[in-house]
Amino acid sequence: MNSPERYLITAALPYANGPLHIGHIAGAYLPADIYVRYLRLKGQDAVFVCGSDEHGVAITIQAKKEGVTPQEIIDKYHELNKDTFLRLGINFDIFHRTSS
């Protein structure tokens, strides 16, 4: 008996240091979302995962600019970006954080 093909799809993890822009969406997330939808329409088992990249100097720099801690920046932009994906109809099966 053949086991069904299974697919794990991911996209680049966005830094949690600012809001997403059209370049992020068009370059990384929309193509992956389209591919996942295509696979599912064909009846394939596909899991779509992504998450916030919470490491890097860009987060520290943004925290200094906003006068808050790096953790506050991470929390703020993780939620903002997660909401942006939802409003655009890009639905990850898992959208997590690199700290967890």
PDB file of N, CA and C in Angstrom:
ATOM      1  N   MET A   1       0.840  -1.180   0.000  1.00  0.00           N
ATOM      2  CA  MET A   1       0.000   0.000   0.000  1.00  0.00           C
ATOM      3  C   MET A   1       0.889   1.249   0.000  1.00  0.00           C
ATOM      4  N   ASN A   2       0.620   2.147  -0.906  1.00  0.00           N
ATOM      5  CA  ASN A   2       1.376   3.391  -0.974  1.00  0.00           C
ATOM      6  C   ASN A   2       0.837   4.395   0.024  1.00  0.00           C
ATOM      7  N   SER A   3       1.758   5.050   0.721  1.00  0.00           N
ATOM      8  CA  SER A   3       1.309   6.106   1.630  1.00  0.00           C
ATOM      9  C   SER A   3       1.143   7.396   0.834  1.00  0.00           C
ATOM     10  N   PRO A   4       0.189   8.225   1.222  1.00  0.00           N
ATOM     11  CA  PRO A   4      -0.054   9.464   0.475  1.00  0.00           C
ATOM     12  C   PRO A   4       1.128  10.427   0.608  1.00  0.00           C
ATOM     13  N   GLU A   5       1.307  11.219  -0.442  1.00  0.00           N
ATOM     14  CA  GLU A   5       2.354  12.242  -0.375  1.00  0.00           C
ATOM     15  C   GLU A   5       1.956  13.303   0.631  1.00  0.00           C
ATOM     16  N   ARG A   6       2.940  13.779   1.362  1.00  0.00           N
ATOM     17  CA  ARG A   6       2.700  14.838   2.338  1.00  0.00           C
ATOM     18  C   ARG A   6       3.672  15.975   2.030  1.00  0.00           C
ATOM     19  N   TYR A   7       3.206  17.193   2.227  1.00  0.00           N
ATOM     20  CA  TYR A   7       4.008  18.365   1.916  1.00  0.00           C
ATOM     21  C   TYR A   7       4.096  19.278   3.129  1.00  0.00           C
ATOM     22  N   LEU A   8       5.300  19.776   3.365  1.00  0.00           N
ATOM     23  CA  LEU A   8       5.529  20.796   4.382  1.00  0.00           C
ATOM     24  C   LEU A   8       6.018  22.033   3.650  1.00  0.00           C
ATOM     25  N   ILE A   9       5.243  23.101   3.721  1.00  0.00           N
ATOM     26  CA  ILE A   9       5.563  24.343   3.022  1.00  0.00           C
ATOM     27  C   ILE A   9       5.862  25.412   4.061  1.00  0.00           C
ATOM     28  N   THR A  10       6.930  26.159   3.829  1.00  0.00           N
ATOM     29  CA  THR A  10       7.244  27.284   4.694  1.00  0.00           C
ATOM     30  C   THR A  10       7.695  28.451   3.826  1.00  0.00           C
ATOM     31  N   ALA A  11       7.817  29.593   4.451  1.00  0.00           N
ATOM     32  CA  ALA A  11       8.292  30.793   3.767  1.00  0.00           C
ATOM     33  C   ALA A  11       9.298  31.465   4.693  1.00  0.00           C
ATOM     34  N   ALA A  12      10.040  32.405   4.162  1.00  0.00           N
ATOM     35  CA  ALA A  12      11.029  33.119   4.973  1.00  0.00           C
ATOM     36  C   ALA A  12      10.374  33.672   6.235  1.00  0.00           C
ATOM     37  N   LEU A  13      11.068  33.546   7.345  1.00  0.00           N
ATOM     38  CA  LEU A  13      10.526  34.062   8.603  1.00  0.00           C
ATOM     39  C   LEU A  13      10.724  35.571   8.655  1.00  0.00           C
ATOM     40  N   PRO A  14       9.648  36.343   8.798  1.00  0.00           N
ATOM     41  CA  PRO A  14       9.815  37.795   8.858  1.00  0.00           C
ATOM     42  C   PRO A  14      10.422  38.221  10.192  1.00  0.00           C
ATOM     43  N   TYR A  15      11.361  39.163  10.138  1.00  0.00           N
ATOM     44  CA  TYR A  15      11.878  39.745  11.374  1.00  0.00           C
ATOM     45  C   TYR A  15      10.742  40.454  12.094  1.00  0.00           C
ATOM     46  N   ALA A  16      10.733  40.344  13.398  1.00  0.00           N
ATOM     47  CA  ALA A  16       9.709  41.018  14.208  1.00  0.00           C
ATOM     48  C   ALA A  16      10.222  42.399  14.595  1.00  0.00           C
ATOM     49  N   ASN A  17      10.557  43.217  13.577  1.00  0.00           N
ATOM     50  CA  ASN A  17      11.081  44.553  13.847  1.00  0.00           C
ATOM     51  C   ASN A  17      10.338  45.654  13.103  1.00  0.00           C
ATOM     52  N   GLY A  18       9.260  45.311  12.425  1.00  0.00           N
ATOM     53  CA  GLY A  18       8.492  46.318  11.712  1.00  0.00           C
ATOM     54  C   GLY A  18       7.347  45.666  10.965  1.00  0.00           C
ATOM     55  N   PRO A  19       6.450  46.496  10.440  1.00  0.00           N
ATOM     56  CA  PRO A  19       5.298  45.951   9.712  1.00  0.00           C
ATOM     57  C   PRO A  19       5.715  45.364   8.364  1.00  0.00           C
ATOM     58  N   LEU A  20       4.926  44.431   7.901  1.00  0.00           N
ATOM     59  CA  LEU A  20       5.147  43.851   6.580  1.00  0.00           C
ATOM     60  C   LEU A  20       4.785  44.867   5.505  1.00  0.00           C
ATOM     61  N   HIS A  21       5.445  44.774   4.350  1.00  0.00           N
ATOM     62  CA  HIS A  21       5.093  45.625   3.218  1.00  0.00           C
ATOM     63  C   HIS A  21       4.814  44.744   2.003  1.00  0.00           C
ATOM     64  N   ILE A  22       4.404  45.346   0.924  1.00  0.00           N
ATOM     65  CA  ILE A  22       3.981  44.598  -0.262  1.00  0.00           C
ATOM     66  C   ILE A  22       5.103  43.707  -0.810  1.00  0.00           C
ATOM     67  N   GLY A  23       6.340  44.142  -0.662  1.00  0.00           N
ATOM     68  CA  GLY A  23       7.465  43.326  -1.111  1.00  0.00           C
ATOM     69  C   GLY A  23       7.576  42.023  -0.343  1.00  0.00           C
ATOM     70  N   HIS A  24       7.362  42.100   0.973  1.00  0.00           N
ATOM     71  CA  HIS A  24       7.360  40.871   1.776  1.00  0.00           C
ATOM     72  C   HIS A  24       6.266  39.927   1.276  1.00  0.00           C
ATOM     73  N   ILE A  25       5.073  40.473   1.154  1.00  0.00           N
ATOM     74  CA  ILE A  25       3.913  39.648   0.800  1.00  0.00           C
ATOM     75  C   ILE A  25       4.096  39.020  -0.577  1.00  0.00           C
ATOM     76  N   ALA A  26       4.401  39.853  -1.574  1.00  0.00           N
ATOM     77  CA  ALA A  26       4.515  39.363  -2.951  1.00  0.00           C
ATOM     78  C   ALA A  26       5.723  38.459  -3.152  1.00  0.00           C
ATOM     79  N   GLY A  27       6.792  38.715  -2.415  1.00  0.00           N
ATOM     80  CA  GLY A  27       8.024  37.971  -2.630  1.00  0.00           C
ATOM     81  C   GLY A  27       8.096  36.620  -1.956  1.00  0.00           C
ATOM     82  N   ALA A  28       7.505  36.500  -0.783  1.00  0.00           N
ATOM     83  CA  ALA A  28       7.687  35.262  -0.019  1.00  0.00           C
ATOM     84  C   ALA A  28       6.385  34.558   0.338  1.00  0.00           C
ATOM     85  N   TYR A  29       5.404  35.306   0.781  1.00  0.00           N
ATOM     86  CA  TYR A  29       4.237  34.675   1.410  1.00  0.00           C
ATOM     87  C   TYR A  29       3.114  34.352   0.434  1.00  0.00           C
ATOM     88  N   LEU A  30       2.852  35.218  -0.510  1.00  0.00           N
ATOM     89  CA  LEU A  30       1.797  34.950  -1.487  1.00  0.00           C
ATOM     90  C   LEU A  30       2.127  33.735  -2.365  1.00  0.00           C
ATOM     91  N   PRO A  31       3.352  33.628  -2.901  1.00  0.00           N
ATOM     92  CA  PRO A  31       3.651  32.431  -3.695  1.00  0.00           C
ATOM     93  C   PRO A  31       3.499  31.130  -2.897  1.00  0.00           C
ATOM     94  N   ALA A  32       3.955  31.133  -1.661  1.00  0.00           N
ATOM     95  CA  ALA A  32       3.821  29.927  -0.832  1.00  0.00           C
ATOM     96  C   ALA A  32       2.356  29.626  -0.549  1.00  0.00           C
ATOM     97  N   ASP A  33       1.572  30.664  -0.277  1.00  0.00           N
ATOM     98  CA  ASP A  33       0.144  30.486  -0.010  1.00  0.00           C
ATOM     99  C   ASP A  33      -0.569  29.910  -1.236  1.00  0.00           C
ATOM    100  N   ILE A  34      -0.238  30.421  -2.402  1.00  0.00           N
ATOM    101  CA  ILE A  34      -0.843  29.916  -3.642  1.00  0.00           C
ATOM    102  C   ILE A  34      -0.488  28.445  -3.843  1.00  0.00           C
ATOM    103  N   TYR A  35       0.756  28.095  -3.596  1.00  0.00           N
ATOM    104  CA  TYR A  35       1.179  26.705  -3.762  1.00  0.00           C
ATOM    105  C   TYR A  35       0.443  25.778  -2.794  1.00  0.00           C
ATOM    106  N   VAL A  36       0.303  26.195  -1.548  1.00  0.00           N
ATOM    107  CA  VAL A  36      -0.426  25.387  -0.560  1.00  0.00           C
ATOM    108  C   VAL A  36      -1.875  25.201  -0.998  1.00  0.00           C
ATOM    109  N   ARG A  37      -2.504  26.265  -1.456  1.00  0.00           N
ATOM    110  CA  ARG A  37      -3.896  26.167  -1.922  1.00  0.00           C
ATOM    111  C   ARG A  37      -4.010  25.208  -3.109  1.00  0.00           C
ATOM    112  N   TYR A  38      -3.058  25.299  -4.020  1.00  0.00           N
ATOM    113  CA  TYR A  38      -3.034  24.410  -5.182  1.00  0.00           C
ATOM    114  C   TYR A  38      -2.942  22.948  -4.744  1.00  0.00           C
ATOM    115  N   LEU A  39      -2.009  22.661  -3.847  1.00  0.00           N
ATOM    116  CA  LEU A  39      -1.849  21.286  -3.362  1.00  0.00           C
ATOM    117  C   LEU A  39      -3.127  20.776  -2.712  1.00  0.00           C
ATOM    118  N   ARG A  40      -3.736  21.606  -1.902  1.00  0.00           N
ATOM    119  CA  ARG A  40      -4.955  21.189  -1.203  1.00  0.00           C
ATOM    120  C   ARG A  40      -6.117  20.978  -2.171  1.00  0.00           C
ATOM    121  N   LEU A  41      -6.189  21.816  -3.209  1.00  0.00           N
ATOM    122  CA  LEU A  41      -7.233  21.615  -4.221  1.00  0.00           C
ATOM    123  C   LEU A  41      -7.064  20.278  -4.935  1.00  0.00           C
ATOM    124  N   LYS A  42      -5.834  19.825  -5.055  1.00  0.00           N
ATOM    125  CA  LYS A  42      -5.552  18.522  -5.660  1.00  0.00           C
ATOM    126  C   LYS A  42      -5.759  17.383  -4.671  1.00  0.00           C
ATOM    127  N   GLY A  43      -6.129  17.716  -3.436  1.00  0.00           N
ATOM    128  CA  GLY A  43      -6.359  16.688  -2.432  1.00  0.00           C
ATOM    129  C   GLY A  43      -5.115  16.236  -1.690  1.00  0.00           C
ATOM    130  N   GLN A  44      -4.036  16.987  -1.833  1.00  0.00           N
ATOM    131  CA  GLN A  44      -2.788  16.632  -1.162  1.00  0.00           C
ATOM    132  C   GLN A  44      -2.805  17.086   0.303  1.00  0.00           C
ATOM    133  N   ASP A  45      -2.050  16.388   1.106  1.00  0.00           N
ATOM    134  CA  ASP A  45      -1.880  16.732   2.517  1.00  0.00           C
ATOM    135  C   ASP A  45      -0.742  17.744   2.611  1.00  0.00           C
ATOM    136  N   ALA A  46      -1.072  18.999   2.895  1.00  0.00           N
ATOM    137  CA  ALA A  46      -0.069  20.062   2.954  1.00  0.00           C
ATOM    138  C   ALA A  46      -0.202  20.831   4.263  1.00  0.00           C
ATOM    139  N   VAL A  47       0.935  21.095   4.878  1.00  0.00           N
ATOM    140  CA  VAL A  47       0.982  21.886   6.105  1.00  0.00           C
ATOM    141  C   VAL A  47       1.808  23.132   5.808  1.00  0.00           C
ATOM    142  N   PHE A  48       1.275  24.292   6.179  1.00  0.00           N
ATOM    143  CA  PHE A  48       1.892  25.587   5.893  1.00  0.00           C
ATOM    144  C   PHE A  48       2.335  26.208   7.211  1.00  0.00           C
ATOM    145  N   VAL A  49       3.656  26.347   7.392  1.00  0.00           N
ATOM    146  CA  VAL A  49       4.182  26.876   8.651  1.00  0.00           C
ATOM    147  C   VAL A  49       5.071  28.087   8.417  1.00  0.00           C
ATOM    148  N   CYS A  50       5.087  28.953   9.408  1.00  0.00           N
ATOM    149  CA  CYS A  50       5.929  30.140   9.373  1.00  0.00           C
ATOM    150  C   CYS A  50       6.014  30.675  10.799  1.00  0.00           C
ATOM    151  N   GLY A  51       6.671  31.789  10.971  1.00  0.00           N
ATOM    152  CA  GLY A  51       6.753  32.395  12.288  1.00  0.00           C
ATOM    153  C   GLY A  51       7.661  33.600  12.268  1.00  0.00           C
ATOM    154  N   SER A  52       7.672  34.312  13.354  1.00  0.00           N
ATOM    155  CA  SER A  52       8.501  35.507  13.475  1.00  0.00           C
ATOM    156  C   SER A  52       9.932  35.146  13.848  1.00  0.00           C
ATOM    157  N   ASP A  53      10.884  35.754  13.146  1.00  0.00           N
ATOM    158  CA  ASP A  53      12.292  35.628  13.514  1.00  0.00           C
ATOM    159  C   ASP A  53      12.557  36.677  14.586  1.00  0.00           C
ATOM    160  N   GLU A  54      12.836  36.229  15.777  1.00  0.00           N
ATOM    161  CA  GLU A  54      12.980  37.130  16.924  1.00  0.00           C
ATOM    162  C   GLU A  54      14.434  37.408  17.284  1.00  0.00           C
ATOM    163  N   HIS A  55      15.349  37.127  16.387  1.00  0.00           N
ATOM    164  CA  HIS A  55      16.768  37.318  16.676  1.00  0.00           C
ATOM    165  C   HIS A  55      17.372  38.250  15.635  1.00  0.00           C
ATOM    166  N   GLY A  56      18.283  39.097  16.057  1.00  0.00           N
ATOM    167  CA  GLY A  56      18.985  39.944  15.112  1.00  0.00           C
ATOM    168  C   GLY A  56      19.109  41.380  15.567  1.00  0.00           C
ATOM    169  N   VAL A  57      20.109  42.023  15.025  1.00  0.00           N
ATOM    170  CA  VAL A  57      20.407  43.408  15.372  1.00  0.00           C
ATOM    171  C   VAL A  57      19.277  44.345  14.964  1.00  0.00           C
ATOM    172  N   ALA A  58      18.563  44.019  13.894  1.00  0.00           N
ATOM    173  CA  ALA A  58      17.475  44.891  13.430  1.00  0.00           C
ATOM    174  C   ALA A  58      16.434  45.123  14.524  1.00  0.00           C
ATOM    175  N   ILE A  59      16.210  44.134  15.356  1.00  0.00           N
ATOM    176  CA  ILE A  59      15.240  44.270  16.449  1.00  0.00           C
ATOM    177  C   ILE A  59      15.773  45.226  17.507  1.00  0.00           C
ATOM    178  N   THR A  60      17.040  45.091  17.842  1.00  0.00           N
ATOM    179  CA  THR A  60      17.658  45.978  18.833  1.00  0.00           C
ATOM    180  C   THR A  60      17.649  47.425  18.346  1.00  0.00           C
ATOM    181  N   ILE A  61      17.960  47.622  17.079  1.00  0.00           N
ATOM    182  CA  ILE A  61      17.958  48.977  16.504  1.00  0.00           C
ATOM    183  C   ILE A  61      16.559  49.576  16.557  1.00  0.00           C
ATOM    184  N   GLN A  62      15.546  48.803  16.180  1.00  0.00           N
ATOM    185  CA  GLN A  62      14.168  49.298  16.215  1.00  0.00           C
ATOM    186  C   GLN A  62      13.738  49.620  17.639  1.00  0.00           C
ATOM    187  N   ALA A  63      14.153  48.814  18.591  1.00  0.00           N
ATOM    188  CA  ALA A  63      13.819  49.068  19.998  1.00  0.00           C
ATOM    189  C   ALA A  63      14.408  50.399  20.453  1.00  0.00           C
ATOM    190  N   LYS A  64      15.640  50.673  20.066  1.00  0.00           N
ATOM    191  CA  LYS A  64      16.256  51.961  20.424  1.00  0.00           C
ATOM    192  C   LYS A  64      15.494  53.116  19.786  1.00  0.00           C
ATOM    193  N   LYS A  65      15.102  52.956  18.516  1.00  0.00           N
ATOM    194  CA  LYS A  65      14.352  54.008  17.821  1.00  0.00           C
ATOM    195  C   LYS A  65      13.030  54.303  18.511  1.00  0.00           C
ATOM    196  N   GLU A  66      12.358  53.247  18.995  1.00  0.00           N
ATOM    197  CA  GLU A  66      11.046  53.416  19.617  1.00  0.00           C
ATOM    198  C   GLU A  66      11.130  53.629  21.125  1.00  0.00           C
ATOM    199  N   GLY A  67      12.329  53.556  21.680  1.00  0.00           N
ATOM    200  CA  GLY A  67      12.505  53.789  23.108  1.00  0.00           C
ATOM    201  C   GLY A  67      11.889  52.721  23.996  1.00  0.00           C
ATOM    202  N   VAL A  68      11.915  51.482  23.531  1.00  0.00           N
ATOM    203  CA  VAL A  68      11.351  50.366  24.295  1.00  0.00           C
ATOM    204  C   VAL A  68      12.360  49.213  24.294  1.00  0.00           C
ATOM    205  N   THR A  69      12.015  48.137  24.966  1.00  0.00           N
ATOM    206  CA  THR A  69      12.906  46.978  25.007  1.00  0.00           C
ATOM    207  C   THR A  69      12.767  46.147  23.729  1.00  0.00           C
ATOM    208  N   PRO A  70      13.800  45.374  23.410  1.00  0.00           N
ATOM    209  CA  PRO A  70      13.675  44.474  22.264  1.00  0.00           C
ATOM    210  C   PRO A  70      12.486  43.515  22.392  1.00  0.00           C
ATOM    211  N   GLN A  71      12.202  43.034  23.593  1.00  0.00           N
ATOM    212  CA  GLN A  71      11.072  42.120  23.773  1.00  0.00           C
ATOM    213  C   GLN A  71       9.747  42.803  23.439  1.00  0.00           C
ATOM    214  N   GLU A  72       9.622  44.084  23.782  1.00  0.00           N
ATOM    215  CA  GLU A  72       8.395  44.816  23.442  1.00  0.00           C
ATOM    216  C   GLU A  72       8.242  44.949  21.928  1.00  0.00           C
ATOM    217  N   ILE A  73       9.350  45.169  21.230  1.00  0.00           N
ATOM    218  CA  ILE A  73       9.319  45.244  19.762  1.00  0.00           C
ATOM    219  C   ILE A  73       8.891  43.900  19.180  1.00  0.00           C
ATOM    220  N   ILE A  74       9.494  42.838  19.680  1.00  0.00           N
ATOM    221  CA  ILE A  74       9.169  41.491  19.205  1.00  0.00           C
ATOM    222  C   ILE A  74       7.685  41.195  19.389  1.00  0.00           C
ATOM    223  N   ASP A  75       7.179  41.458  20.581  1.00  0.00           N
ATOM    224  CA  ASP A  75       5.766  41.176  20.870  1.00  0.00           C
ATOM    225  C   ASP A  75       4.842  42.006  19.986  1.00  0.00           C
ATOM    226  N   LYS A  76       5.169  43.283  19.846  1.00  0.00           N
ATOM    227  CA  LYS A  76       4.339  44.194  19.053  1.00  0.00           C
ATOM    228  C   LYS A  76       4.264  43.753  17.586  1.00  0.00           C
ATOM    229  N   TYR A  77       5.419  43.529  16.969  1.00  0.00           N
ATOM    230  CA  TYR A  77       5.424  43.243  15.537  1.00  0.00           C
ATOM    231  C   TYR A  77       5.055  41.800  15.215  1.00  0.00           C
ATOM    232  N   HIS A  78       5.257  40.887  16.141  1.00  0.00           N
ATOM    233  CA  HIS A  78       4.762  39.523  15.918  1.00  0.00           C
ATOM    234  C   HIS A  78       3.241  39.555  15.769  1.00  0.00           C
ATOM    235  N   GLU A  79       2.578  40.231  16.692  1.00  0.00           N
ATOM    236  CA  GLU A  79       1.110  40.303  16.645  1.00  0.00           C
ATOM    237  C   GLU A  79       0.629  41.100  15.438  1.00  0.00           C
ATOM    238  N   LEU A  80       1.296  42.209  15.141  1.00  0.00           N
ATOM    239  CA  LEU A  80       0.912  43.025  13.986  1.00  0.00           C
ATOM    240  C   LEU A  80       1.039  42.226  12.686  1.00  0.00           C
ATOM    241  N   ASN A  81       2.152  41.534  12.521  1.00  0.00           N
ATOM    242  CA  ASN A  81       2.361  40.764  11.295  1.00  0.00           C
ATOM    243  C   ASN A  81       1.412  39.576  11.209  1.00  0.00           C
ATOM    244  N   LYS A  82       1.169  38.933  12.323  1.00  0.00           N
ATOM    245  CA  LYS A  82       0.205  37.824  12.359  1.00  0.00           C
ATOM    246  C   LYS A  82      -1.172  38.316  11.912  1.00  0.00           C
ATOM    247  N   ASP A  83      -1.573  39.480  12.400  1.00  0.00           N
ATOM    248  CA  ASP A  83      -2.859  40.072  12.016  1.00  0.00           C
ATOM    249  C   ASP A  83      -2.878  40.445  10.533  1.00  0.00           C
ATOM    250  N   THR A  84      -1.771  40.959  10.027  1.00  0.00           N
ATOM    251  CA  THR A  84      -1.683  41.313   8.606  1.00  0.00           C
ATOM    252  C   THR A  84      -1.906  40.084   7.731  1.00  0.00           C
ATOM    253  N   PHE A  85      -1.256  38.982   8.069  1.00  0.00           N
ATOM    254  CA  PHE A  85      -1.455  37.751   7.305  1.00  0.00           C
ATOM    255  C   PHE A  85      -2.919  37.322   7.331  1.00  0.00           C
ATOM    256  N   LEU A  86      -3.531  37.373   8.490  1.00  0.00           N
ATOM    257  CA  LEU A  86      -4.940  36.976   8.602  1.00  0.00           C
ATOM    258  C   LEU A  86      -5.838  37.862   7.749  1.00  0.00           C
ATOM    259  N   ARG A  87      -5.607  39.186   7.796  1.00  0.00           N
ATOM    260  CA  ARG A  87      -6.434  40.111   7.018  1.00  0.00           C
ATOM    261  C   ARG A  87      -6.254  39.919   5.518  1.00  0.00           C
ATOM    262  N   LEU A  88      -5.079  39.450   5.108  1.00  0.00           N
ATOM    263  CA  LEU A  88      -4.828  39.194   3.689  1.00  0.00           C
ATOM    264  C   LEU A  88      -5.282  37.806   3.257  1.00  0.00           C
ATOM    265  N   GLY A  89      -5.760  37.011   4.195  1.00  0.00           N
ATOM    266  CA  GLY A  89      -6.232  35.673   3.857  1.00  0.00           C
ATOM    267  C   GLY A  89      -5.124  34.647   3.714  1.00  0.00           C
ATOM    268  N   ILE A  90      -3.939  34.975   4.217  1.00  0.00           N
ATOM    269  CA  ILE A  90      -2.830  34.020   4.218  1.00  0.00           C
ATOM    270  C   ILE A  90      -2.897  33.297   5.552  1.00  0.00           C
ATOM    271  N   ASN A  91      -3.314  32.045   5.497  1.00  0.00           N
ATOM    272  CA  ASN A  91      -3.599  31.288   6.721  1.00  0.00           C
ATOM    273  C   ASN A  91      -2.585  30.176   6.921  1.00  0.00           C
ATOM    274  N   PHE A  92      -1.669  30.401   7.823  1.00  0.00           N
ATOM    275  CA  PHE A  92      -0.696  29.372   8.176  1.00  0.00           C
ATOM    276  C   PHE A  92      -1.357  28.364   9.106  1.00  0.00           C
ATOM    277  N   ASP A  93      -0.976  27.116   8.971  1.00  0.00           N
ATOM    278  CA  ASP A  93      -1.433  26.120   9.935  1.00  0.00           C
ATOM    279  C   ASP A  93      -0.751  26.361  11.279  1.00  0.00           C
ATOM    280  N   ILE A  94       0.487  26.817  11.206  1.00  0.00           N
ATOM    281  CA  ILE A  94       1.247  27.174  12.407  1.00  0.00           C
ATOM    282  C   ILE A  94       1.978  28.474  12.109  1.00  0.00           C
ATOM    283  N   PHE A  95       1.787  29.487  12.954  1.00  0.00           N
ATOM    284  CA  PHE A  95       2.565  30.722  12.879  1.00  0.00           C
ATOM    285  C   PHE A  95       3.097  30.968  14.278  1.00  0.00           C
ATOM    286  N   HIS A  96       4.377  30.692  14.458  1.00  0.00           N
ATOM    287  CA  HIS A  96       4.953  30.717  15.798  1.00  0.00           C
ATOM    288  C   HIS A  96       6.084  31.723  15.878  1.00  0.00           C
ATOM    289  N   ARG A  97       6.932  31.540  16.844  1.00  0.00           N
ATOM    290  CA  ARG A  97       8.045  32.449  17.104  1.00  0.00           C
ATOM    291  C   ARG A  97       9.316  31.625  17.296  1.00  0.00           C
ATOM    292  N   THR A  98      10.457  32.184  16.901  1.00  0.00           N
ATOM    293  CA  THR A  98      11.703  31.435  17.058  1.00  0.00           C
ATOM    294  C   THR A  98      12.126  31.302  18.513  1.00  0.00           C
ATOM    295  N   SER A  99      11.506  32.045  19.402  1.00  0.00           N
ATOM    296  CA  SER A  99      11.836  31.935  20.828  1.00  0.00           C
ATOM    297  C   SER A  99      11.071  30.813  21.513  1.00  0.00           C
ATOM    298  N   SER A 100      10.138  30.202  20.821  1.00  0.00           N
ATOM    299  CA  SER A 100       9.347  29.155  21.478  1.00  0.00           C
ATOM    300  C   SER A 100       9.456  27.826  20.764  1.00  0.00           C
TER     301      SER A 100
END
